[in-house]
């Protein structure tokens, strides 16, 4: 009996010891699970805080870049009125027809493009043939060019009584495009024409070997403030030159020449092999598209990835002949807080143009 009791007690002790060990193991496992859960919660909270801080910083950087761009547009309009020096007016006829201004601020750099609207083809007066040649020069697709040109003419209600040309809505399930039978009020309305794409309108980048080169869109050649011709050889776009019959080699020579010095007579243009029937060199431009692209600078001085662009269409109102030159007024016709610019993919740096202090 004594031996049996001892064995029973020994068994009970072993079972109790096992239960104690199991309880300690379960408690340890619970502590580990709680620690893992707390660590996951802490990691999630810290990640959210970092993301929110980065988002706030990015929003602040974007706001600063926007202020730089819009402020530079205003600064460029003052240069347009007064020139680079005190009392030195901007020569709208010859001196630096398409200037680029480079502004350097403590927080970033800005490049400003000055583009005369009068050197573009007037979308409300252009013939269908001119439109087809221009769109073909930009897109390289004659079939799409014919569709877009027909859509523009239908929008204006020219030659079709405001009706949609046959085949213009091919593939569409309903009349998604309704011609207005009136003039284009804004050049952005061109995006509503069938066949038009944002890349074709704003521009895109094309591969040239191992590099990407910007290629301007139709907005660089068409305008509601444009002209049916003749066009200023010192400011006309390459695509519009191509649509007028100029060869790529002659266009390259013209661009290289006018980047150094503006043309003063048509003989200088004709010497490059450019057809001059619809060109001129004495046009005075009163409506300008001013586009500024700002890029912030990091604390170490290197350019950051934060880029913002703004643009404005400004008109110079010339005074009567009996009024002094300083009576010139400037009116902003359109202002774009967010504009597309080819310089958004490149660091603004003065390669040519006018640099202001």
Protein backbone atom coordinates (compact mmCIF):
# COMPACT_ATOMS: atom_id res chain seq x y z
CA UNK A 1 0.00 0.00 0.00
CA UNK A 2 2.75 2.35 0.90
CA UNK A 3 4.47 1.72 -2.39
CA UNK A 4 1.23 2.28 -4.34
CA UNK A 5 0.58 5.57 -2.55
CA UNK A 6 4.07 6.75 -3.28
CA UNK A 7 3.65 5.91 -6.95
CA UNK A 8 0.31 7.71 -7.05
CA UNK A 9 1.76 10.78 -5.38
CA UNK A 10 4.68 10.71 -7.79
CA UNK A 11 2.32 10.58 -10.74
CA UNK A 12 0.25 13.47 -9.37
CA UNK A 13 3.41 15.51 -8.89
CA UNK A 14 4.52 14.87 -12.45
CA UNK A 15 1.11 15.84 -13.79
CA UNK A 16 1.10 19.03 -11.71
CA UNK A 17 4.60 19.86 -12.92
CA UNK A 18 3.50 19.35 -16.51
CA UNK A 19 0.48 21.61 -15.99
CA UNK A 20 2.71 24.28 -14.46
CA UNK A 21 5.11 24.08 -17.38
CA UNK A 22 2.20 24.29 -19.84
CA UNK A 23 0.82 27.34 -18.05
CA UNK A 24 4.20 29.05 -18.17
CA UNK A 25 4.52 28.22 -21.90
CA UNK A 26 1.04 29.55 -22.63
CA UNK A 27 1.76 32.77 -20.76
CA UNK A 28 5.01 33.21 -22.69
CA UNK A 29 3.21 32.59 -25.98
CA UNK A 30 0.54 35.15 -25.03
CA UNK A 31 3.21 37.72 -24.22
CA UNK A 32 4.88 37.09 -27.57
CA UNK A 33 1.59 37.48 -29.45
CA UNK A 34 0.76 40.71 -27.62
CA UNK A 35 4.27 42.06 -28.31
CA UNK A 36 3.96 41.21 -32.00
CA UNK A 37 0.55 42.89 -32.19
CA UNK A 38 1.85 46.03 -30.46
CA UNK A 39 4.87 46.10 -32.76
CA UNK A 40 2.62 45.81 -35.82
CA UNK A 41 0.39 48.61 -34.53
CA UNK A 42 3.41 50.80 -33.79
CA UNK A 43 4.86 50.13 -37.25
CA UNK A 44 1.55 50.94 -38.91
CA UNK A 45 1.18 54.18 -36.94
CA UNK A 46 4.75 55.26 -37.65
CA UNK A 47 4.33 54.46 -41.36
CA UNK A 48 1.13 56.50 -41.48
CA UNK A 49 2.82 59.40 -39.71
CA UNK A 50 5.78 59.30 -42.10
CA UNK A 51 3.48 59.10 -45.12
CA UNK A 52 1.40 62.00 -43.84
CA UNK A 53 4.54 64.04 -43.16
CA UNK A 54 5.85 63.29 -46.66
CA UNK A 55 2.46 64.14 -48.15
CA UNK A 56 2.36 67.41 -46.26
CA UNK A 57 5.90 68.21 -47.32
CA UNK A 58 5.10 67.42 -50.96
CA UNK A 59 2.01 69.62 -50.83
CA UNK A 60 4.08 72.44 -49.36
CA UNK A 61 6.79 72.01 -52.00
CA UNK A 62 4.18 71.98 -54.74
CA UNK A 63 2.64 75.16 -53.39
CA UNK A 64 6.04 76.89 -53.30
CA UNK A 65 6.77 75.80 -56.87
CA UNK A 66 3.35 77.09 -57.96
CA UNK A 67 4.08 80.45 -56.36
CA UNK A 68 7.44 80.60 -58.14
CA UNK A 69 5.81 79.86 -61.51
CA UNK A 70 2.93 82.33 -61.13
CA UNK A 71 5.24 85.02 -59.76
CA UNK A 72 7.61 84.53 -62.68
CA UNK A 73 4.73 84.95 -65.14
CA UNK A 74 3.98 88.31 -63.54
CA UNK A 75 7.67 89.24 -63.61
CA UNK A 76 7.86 88.34 -67.30
CA UNK A 77 4.89 90.58 -68.09
CA UNK A 78 6.81 93.47 -66.53
CA UNK A 79 9.79 92.61 -68.72
CA UNK A 80 7.42 92.54 -71.70
CA UNK A 81 6.38 96.09 -70.85
CA UNK A 82 9.69 97.61 -69.86
CA UNK A 83 12.49 95.41 -71.15
CA UNK A 84 15.62 94.47 -69.21
CA UNK A 85 16.70 97.93 -68.15
CA UNK A 86 15.22 101.10 -66.76
CA UNK A 87 13.42 102.84 -69.60
CA UNK A 88 14.64 100.26 -72.16
CA UNK A 89 11.45 99.06 -73.83
CA UNK A 90 11.13 95.61 -75.32
CA UNK A 91 11.52 95.72 -79.10
CA UNK A 92 8.49 93.76 -80.28
CA UNK A 93 9.62 93.93 -83.90
CA UNK A 94 13.13 92.50 -84.00
CA UNK A 95 15.11 92.17 -80.79
CA UNK A 96 14.84 88.60 -79.47
CA UNK A 97 11.50 87.60 -81.03
CA UNK A 98 11.03 84.42 -78.96
CA UNK A 99 13.03 85.07 -75.80
CA UNK A 100 13.44 82.76 -72.85
CA UNK A 101 13.89 84.27 -69.44
CA UNK A 102 15.79 82.48 -66.67
CA UNK A 103 15.04 83.45 -63.10
CA UNK A 104 17.02 82.15 -60.13
CA UNK A 105 15.47 82.34 -56.67
CA UNK A 106 16.75 81.13 -53.28
CA UNK A 107 14.30 78.21 -53.39
CA UNK A 108 14.43 77.26 -57.07
CA UNK A 109 14.92 78.10 -60.74
CA UNK A 110 12.37 79.14 -63.35
CA UNK A 111 12.48 79.19 -67.15
CA UNK A 112 9.92 81.42 -68.91
CA UNK A 113 8.95 80.98 -72.55
CA UNK A 114 7.64 83.99 -74.48
CA UNK A 115 5.61 82.92 -77.52
CA UNK A 116 3.77 85.38 -79.80
CA UNK A 117 0.27 84.22 -80.67
CA UNK A 118 0.29 86.12 -83.96
CA UNK A 119 2.87 83.70 -85.38
CA UNK A 120 0.36 80.84 -85.18
CA UNK A 121 -2.34 79.76 -87.62
CA UNK A 122 -5.77 81.16 -86.78
CA UNK A 123 -8.00 78.14 -86.20
CA UNK A 124 -11.10 80.19 -87.03
CA UNK A 125 -9.81 81.43 -90.41
CA UNK A 126 -7.66 78.53 -91.60
CA UNK A 127 -8.71 76.59 -94.67
CA UNK A 128 -9.29 72.86 -94.50
CA UNK A 129 -6.18 72.28 -96.64
CA UNK A 130 -4.00 74.31 -94.26
CA UNK A 131 -5.39 72.41 -91.29
CA UNK A 132 -4.79 69.03 -92.93
CA UNK A 133 -1.18 69.88 -93.77
CA UNK A 134 -0.51 71.19 -90.27
CA UNK A 135 -2.07 68.23 -88.44
CA UNK A 136 -0.21 65.85 -90.76
CA UNK A 137 3.06 67.61 -89.93
CA UNK A 138 2.40 67.18 -86.20
CA UNK A 139 0.86 63.69 -86.15
CA UNK A 140 2.37 62.07 -89.23
CA UNK A 141 -1.02 60.44 -89.90
CA UNK A 142 -2.85 61.84 -92.98
CA UNK A 143 -6.03 59.88 -92.20
CA UNK A 144 -6.28 61.31 -88.69
CA UNK A 145 -5.39 64.75 -90.06
CA UNK A 146 -8.33 64.56 -92.47
CA UNK A 147 -10.67 63.56 -89.63
CA UNK A 148 -9.50 66.39 -87.37
CA UNK A 149 -9.61 68.98 -90.16
CA UNK A 150 -13.16 67.89 -91.05
CA UNK A 151 -14.14 68.13 -87.37
CA UNK A 152 -12.74 71.66 -87.10
CA UNK A 153 -14.61 72.77 -90.20
CA UNK A 154 -17.80 71.13 -88.87
CA UNK A 155 -17.36 72.90 -85.53
CA UNK A 156 -17.14 76.20 -87.36
CA UNK A 157 -20.07 75.21 -89.60
CA UNK A 158 -18.09 75.99 -92.75
CA UNK A 159 -19.32 74.37 -95.94
CA UNK A 160 -21.59 71.90 -94.17
CA UNK A 161 -24.34 74.02 -92.65
CA UNK A 162 -23.38 72.85 -89.19
CA UNK A 163 -23.97 69.18 -89.98
CA UNK A 164 -21.50 66.43 -89.22
CA UNK A 165 -19.60 65.21 -92.29
CA UNK A 166 -20.25 61.63 -93.33
CA UNK A 167 -17.93 59.20 -91.60
CA UNK A 168 -16.85 61.68 -88.92
CA UNK A 169 -18.64 59.67 -86.27
CA UNK A 170 -17.68 56.26 -87.63
CA UNK A 171 -17.46 53.78 -84.79
CA UNK A 172 -19.47 55.97 -82.42
CA UNK A 173 -22.76 54.72 -80.97
CA UNK A 174 -24.38 58.15 -80.99
CA UNK A 175 -23.88 61.82 -81.79
CA UNK A 176 -21.10 62.35 -79.22
CA UNK A 177 -19.72 65.30 -81.18
CA UNK A 178 -22.07 68.22 -81.76
CA UNK A 179 -20.69 71.00 -83.99
CA UNK A 180 -21.35 74.45 -82.64
CA UNK A 181 -21.58 76.23 -85.96
CA UNK A 182 -19.52 79.03 -84.45
CA UNK A 183 -15.93 80.08 -83.95
CA UNK A 184 -13.61 78.49 -81.43
CA UNK A 185 -13.58 80.65 -78.31
CA UNK A 186 -10.67 78.84 -76.64
CA UNK A 187 -8.00 76.72 -78.27
CA UNK A 188 -8.65 74.02 -75.65
CA UNK A 189 -11.99 73.35 -77.36
CA UNK A 190 -9.91 71.58 -80.01
CA UNK A 191 -9.67 68.65 -77.56
CA UNK A 192 -13.39 67.99 -78.18
CA UNK A 193 -12.88 67.39 -81.90
CA UNK A 194 -12.95 63.69 -82.93
CA UNK A 195 -9.49 62.26 -83.48
CA UNK A 196 -7.76 64.73 -81.17
CA UNK A 197 -5.68 63.38 -78.26
CA UNK A 198 -3.93 65.18 -75.38
CA UNK A 199 -0.54 64.12 -76.77
CA UNK A 200 -1.38 65.57 -80.17
CA UNK A 201 -2.67 68.79 -78.64
CA UNK A 202 -0.13 69.47 -75.89
CA UNK A 203 2.90 67.70 -77.34
CA UNK A 204 4.87 64.61 -76.48
CA UNK A 205 8.37 63.16 -76.33
CA UNK A 206 9.81 61.15 -79.22
CA UNK A 207 12.75 58.76 -79.08
CA UNK A 208 15.87 59.85 -80.95
CA UNK A 209 18.47 57.17 -80.40
CA UNK A 210 18.96 56.80 -76.66
CA UNK A 211 17.38 60.16 -75.82
CA UNK A 212 13.88 61.58 -75.58
CA UNK A 213 13.29 64.85 -77.39
CA UNK A 214 10.23 67.07 -76.88
CA UNK A 215 7.88 67.46 -79.82
CA UNK A 216 5.44 70.33 -79.77
CA UNK A 217 1.73 69.80 -80.18
CA UNK A 218 -0.92 71.63 -82.16
CA UNK A 219 -1.28 74.30 -79.49
CA UNK A 220 2.18 75.56 -80.54
CA UNK A 221 0.89 76.19 -84.07
CA UNK A 222 -2.84 76.97 -83.69
CA UNK A 223 -4.49 79.82 -81.81
CA UNK A 224 -7.73 81.75 -81.61
CA UNK A 225 -5.58 84.90 -81.72
CA UNK A 226 -3.50 83.72 -84.66
CA UNK A 227 -3.27 84.79 -88.28
CA UNK A 228 -4.17 83.21 -91.65
CA UNK A 229 -0.77 84.41 -92.86
CA UNK A 230 1.81 85.64 -93.56
CA UNK A 231 3.65 84.32 -90.51
CA UNK A 232 6.67 85.79 -88.78
CA UNK A 233 9.74 83.75 -89.73
CA UNK A 234 11.32 84.68 -86.40
CA UNK A 235 8.58 83.00 -84.37
CA UNK A 236 6.74 80.46 -86.54
CA UNK A 237 6.76 76.89 -85.22
CA UNK A 238 8.64 74.08 -87.01
CA UNK A 239 5.40 72.18 -87.66
CA UNK A 240 3.81 75.21 -89.30
CA UNK A 241 6.94 75.71 -91.40
CA UNK A 242 6.74 72.08 -92.50
CA UNK A 243 3.10 72.53 -93.47
CA UNK A 244 4.16 75.50 -95.62
CA UNK A 245 6.51 73.28 -97.60
CA UNK A 246 9.86 73.72 -95.84
CA UNK A 247 12.18 70.70 -95.70
CA UNK A 248 13.44 69.31 -92.36
CA UNK A 249 17.00 70.36 -93.17
CA UNK A 250 15.97 73.92 -93.99
CA UNK A 251 13.86 74.10 -90.83
CA UNK A 252 16.83 72.99 -88.72
CA UNK A 253 19.00 75.71 -90.28
CA UNK A 254 16.32 78.33 -89.66
CA UNK A 255 15.95 77.34 -86.01
CA UNK A 256 19.70 77.45 -85.50
CA UNK A 257 20.02 80.85 -87.17
CA UNK A 258 17.17 82.61 -85.37
CA UNK A 259 18.35 81.27 -82.00
CA UNK A 260 21.48 83.38 -82.51
CA UNK A 261 20.05 86.39 -84.31
CA UNK A 262 16.60 87.28 -85.70
CA UNK A 263 16.01 87.60 -89.42
CA UNK A 264 15.80 91.16 -90.75
CA UNK A 265 14.54 90.52 -94.29
CA UNK A 266 13.02 87.72 -96.35
CA UNK A 267 16.18 87.38 -98.40
CA UNK A 268 17.95 85.90 -95.37
CA UNK A 269 15.12 83.38 -95.02
CA UNK A 270 15.07 82.47 -98.71
CA UNK A 271 18.83 81.84 -98.63
CA UNK A 272 18.13 78.83 -96.39
CA UNK A 273 15.79 77.25 -98.92
CA UNK A 274 12.60 78.21 -97.06
CA UNK A 275 9.50 79.09 -99.16
CA UNK A 276 8.75 82.73 -98.34
CA UNK A 277 5.36 83.15 -100.02
CA UNK A 278 3.54 83.09 -96.68
CA UNK A 279 6.27 84.45 -94.41
CA UNK A 280 7.30 87.88 -93.19
CA UNK A 281 9.91 89.29 -90.83
CA UNK A 282 8.42 92.62 -89.78
CA UNK A 283 5.46 91.50 -87.74
CA UNK A 284 4.82 93.32 -84.47
CA UNK A 285 3.30 90.99 -81.90
CA UNK A 286 0.85 92.32 -79.36
CA UNK A 287 -0.56 89.06 -77.91
CA UNK A 288 1.90 86.78 -76.12
CA UNK A 289 1.71 83.41 -74.42
CA UNK A 290 3.91 83.54 -71.32
CA UNK A 291 4.66 80.12 -69.83
CA UNK A 292 6.79 79.64 -66.71
CA UNK A 293 8.15 76.32 -65.44
CA UNK A 294 9.52 76.30 -61.88
CA UNK A 295 11.70 73.62 -60.30
CA UNK A 296 12.55 73.70 -56.59
CA UNK A 297 16.09 73.36 -55.29
CA UNK A 298 17.12 70.94 -52.53
CA UNK A 299 19.04 72.16 -49.45
CA UNK A 300 22.28 70.87 -51.01
CA UNK A 301 21.66 72.99 -54.12
CA UNK A 302 20.69 70.16 -56.48
CA UNK A 303 17.41 70.40 -58.45
CA UNK A 304 14.46 68.50 -57.00
CA UNK A 305 11.68 66.59 -58.74
CA UNK A 306 9.02 69.14 -57.74
CA UNK A 307 8.03 71.02 -60.91
CA UNK A 308 5.05 73.29 -61.55
CA UNK A 309 4.08 75.32 -64.62
CA UNK A 310 1.78 78.30 -65.08
CA UNK A 311 1.00 80.40 -68.13
CA UNK A 312 -0.90 83.47 -69.21
CA UNK A 313 -2.01 84.99 -72.49
CA UNK A 314 -1.33 88.72 -72.31
CA UNK A 315 -2.20 91.51 -74.74
CA UNK A 316 -0.26 94.74 -75.12
CA UNK A 317 -2.58 97.70 -75.65
CA UNK A 318 -0.62 100.33 -77.53
CA UNK A 319 -1.32 104.02 -76.77
CA UNK A 320 -2.51 106.51 -79.41
CA UNK A 321 0.14 108.21 -81.47
CA UNK A 322 -0.07 111.38 -79.40
CA UNK A 323 0.52 109.51 -76.13
CA UNK A 324 3.95 108.65 -74.68
CA UNK A 325 5.33 105.12 -75.02
CA UNK A 326 5.06 104.50 -71.28
CA UNK A 327 1.26 104.58 -71.64
CA UNK A 328 1.32 100.98 -72.93
CA UNK A 329 -1.09 98.79 -70.98
CA UNK A 330 -1.10 95.04 -70.54
CA UNK A 331 -4.24 92.95 -70.23
CA UNK A 332 -4.26 89.29 -69.23
CA UNK A 333 -6.71 87.46 -71.49
CA UNK A 334 -6.27 83.99 -70.01
CA UNK A 335 -4.40 82.55 -67.04
CA UNK A 336 -3.60 78.86 -66.54
CA UNK A 337 -2.60 77.75 -63.06
CA UNK A 338 -1.48 74.35 -64.35
CA UNK A 339 0.13 74.33 -67.78
CA UNK A 340 2.01 71.61 -69.65
CA UNK A 341 5.59 72.44 -70.56
CA UNK A 342 8.35 70.41 -72.18
CA UNK A 343 10.77 71.92 -69.65
CA UNK A 344 9.07 69.95 -66.87
CA UNK A 345 11.26 66.97 -67.81
CA UNK A 346 14.50 68.96 -67.89
CA UNK A 347 16.31 71.13 -65.38
CA UNK A 348 15.88 74.83 -66.24
CA UNK A 349 19.30 76.15 -67.17
CA UNK A 350 20.27 79.13 -69.31
CA UNK A 351 21.41 77.85 -72.68
CA UNK A 352 20.17 80.79 -74.72
CA UNK A 353 17.92 83.75 -74.18
CA UNK A 354 17.79 86.59 -71.71
CA UNK A 355 18.80 86.19 -68.09
CA UNK A 356 17.44 88.75 -65.68
CA UNK A 357 18.98 89.61 -62.30
